[in-house]
Amino acid sequence: MVANGVRAAPLWDNVRQCFVGMLTITDFINILHKYYTSPMVQIYELEEHKIETWRGER
């Protein structure tokens, strides 16, 4: 998002075929901050996570 100068991006649900929310730069920073401070999760593991998982943890 930052590389493209975008501050927020719509979230598309492939199953429901509709937009289900927005992901902001702040959301992304909060996710990175949470996992950076947790030694149990390696940063590369974030590639395996789904946004719906992060939304459920708020």
C-alpha atoms as a PDB file:
ATOM      1  CA  MET A   1       0.000   0.000   0.000  1.00  0.00           C
ATOM      2  CA  VAL A   2       2.705   2.468   0.994  1.00  0.00           C
ATOM      3  CA  ALA A   3       4.782   1.743  -2.105  1.00  0.00           C
ATOM      4  CA  ASN A   4       1.799   2.753  -4.242  1.00  0.00           C
ATOM      5  CA  GLY A   5       0.839   5.801  -2.175  1.00  0.00           C
ATOM      6  CA  VAL A   6      -2.412   4.187  -1.044  1.00  0.00           C
ATOM      7  CA  ARG A   7      -3.576   4.777   2.533  1.00  0.00           C
ATOM      8  CA  ALA A   8      -6.415   2.255   2.541  1.00  0.00           C
ATOM      9  CA  ALA A   9      -7.514  -0.708   0.459  1.00  0.00           C
ATOM     10  CA  PRO A  10     -10.919  -2.371   0.147  1.00  0.00           C
ATOM     11  CA  LEU A  11     -11.194  -5.981   1.276  1.00  0.00           C
ATOM     12  CA  TRP A  12     -12.902  -8.331  -1.156  1.00  0.00           C
ATOM     13  CA  ASP A  13     -14.511 -11.594  -0.001  1.00  0.00           C
ATOM     14  CA  ASN A  14     -14.234 -14.141  -2.813  1.00  0.00           C
ATOM     15  CA  VAL A  15     -16.874 -16.401  -1.291  1.00  0.00           C
ATOM     16  CA  ARG A  16     -19.524 -13.715  -0.766  1.00  0.00           C
ATOM     17  CA  GLN A  17     -18.451 -11.754  -3.878  1.00  0.00           C
ATOM     18  CA  CYS A  18     -18.621  -8.390  -2.137  1.00  0.00           C
ATOM     19  CA  PHE A  19     -16.518  -5.839  -0.301  1.00  0.00           C
ATOM     20  CA  VAL A  20     -16.355  -6.601   3.426  1.00  0.00           C
ATOM     21  CA  GLY A  21     -14.252  -3.772   4.825  1.00  0.00           C
ATOM     22  CA  MET A  22     -11.155  -1.642   4.510  1.00  0.00           C
ATOM     23  CA  LEU A  23      -7.531  -2.253   5.462  1.00  0.00           C
ATOM     24  CA  THR A  24      -5.682   0.919   6.401  1.00  0.00           C
ATOM     25  CA  ILE A  25      -2.007   1.615   6.875  1.00  0.00           C
ATOM     26  CA  THR A  26      -2.731   1.899  10.603  1.00  0.00           C
ATOM     27  CA  ASP A  27      -4.259  -1.601  10.611  1.00  0.00           C
ATOM     28  CA  PHE A  28      -1.184  -2.966   8.862  1.00  0.00           C
ATOM     29  CA  ILE A  29       1.189  -1.228  11.298  1.00  0.00           C
ATOM     30  CA  ASN A  30      -0.782  -2.608  14.252  1.00  0.00           C
ATOM     31  CA  ILE A  31      -0.508  -6.130  12.820  1.00  0.00           C
ATOM     32  CA  LEU A  32       3.247  -5.773  12.318  1.00  0.00           C
ATOM     33  CA  HIS A  33       3.642  -4.315  15.802  1.00  0.00           C
ATOM     34  CA  LYS A  34       1.740  -7.179  17.410  1.00  0.00           C
ATOM     35  CA  TYR A  35       3.771  -9.873  15.699  1.00  0.00           C
ATOM     36  CA  TYR A  36       7.093  -8.050  16.007  1.00  0.00           C
ATOM     37  CA  THR A  37       6.673  -7.983  19.789  1.00  0.00           C
ATOM     38  CA  SER A  38       5.746 -11.662  19.894  1.00  0.00           C
ATOM     39  CA  PRO A  39       8.825 -13.917  19.701  1.00  0.00           C
ATOM     40  CA  MET A  40       6.559 -16.907  19.078  1.00  0.00           C
ATOM     41  CA  VAL A  41       5.733 -15.781  15.536  1.00  0.00           C
ATOM     42  CA  GLN A  42       8.358 -15.186  12.847  1.00  0.00           C
ATOM     43  CA  ILE A  43       7.693 -12.306  10.436  1.00  0.00           C
ATOM     44  CA  TYR A  44       7.779 -14.648   7.423  1.00  0.00           C
ATOM     45  CA  GLU A  45       4.827 -16.512   8.949  1.00  0.00           C
ATOM     46  CA  LEU A  46       2.646 -13.444   8.334  1.00  0.00           C
ATOM     47  CA  GLU A  47       2.515 -14.487   4.690  1.00  0.00           C
ATOM     48  CA  GLU A  48       0.444 -17.496   5.763  1.00  0.00           C
ATOM     49  CA  HIS A  49      -2.073 -15.462   7.781  1.00  0.00           C
ATOM     50  CA  LYS A  50      -5.442 -14.383   6.484  1.00  0.00           C
ATOM     51  CA  ILE A  51      -6.938 -10.965   7.094  1.00  0.00           C
ATOM     52  CA  GLU A  52     -10.057 -12.575   8.550  1.00  0.00           C
ATOM     53  CA  THR A  53      -7.828 -14.032  11.288  1.00  0.00           C
ATOM     54  CA  TRP A  54      -6.482 -10.587  12.166  1.00  0.00           C
ATOM     55  CA  ARG A  55      -9.969  -9.098  12.160  1.00  0.00           C
ATOM     56  CA  GLY A  56     -11.085 -11.704  14.702  1.00  0.00           C
ATOM     57  CA  GLU A  57      -8.229 -10.835  17.073  1.00  0.00           C
ATOM     58  CA  ARG A  58      -9.133  -7.181  17.530  1.00  0.00           C
END
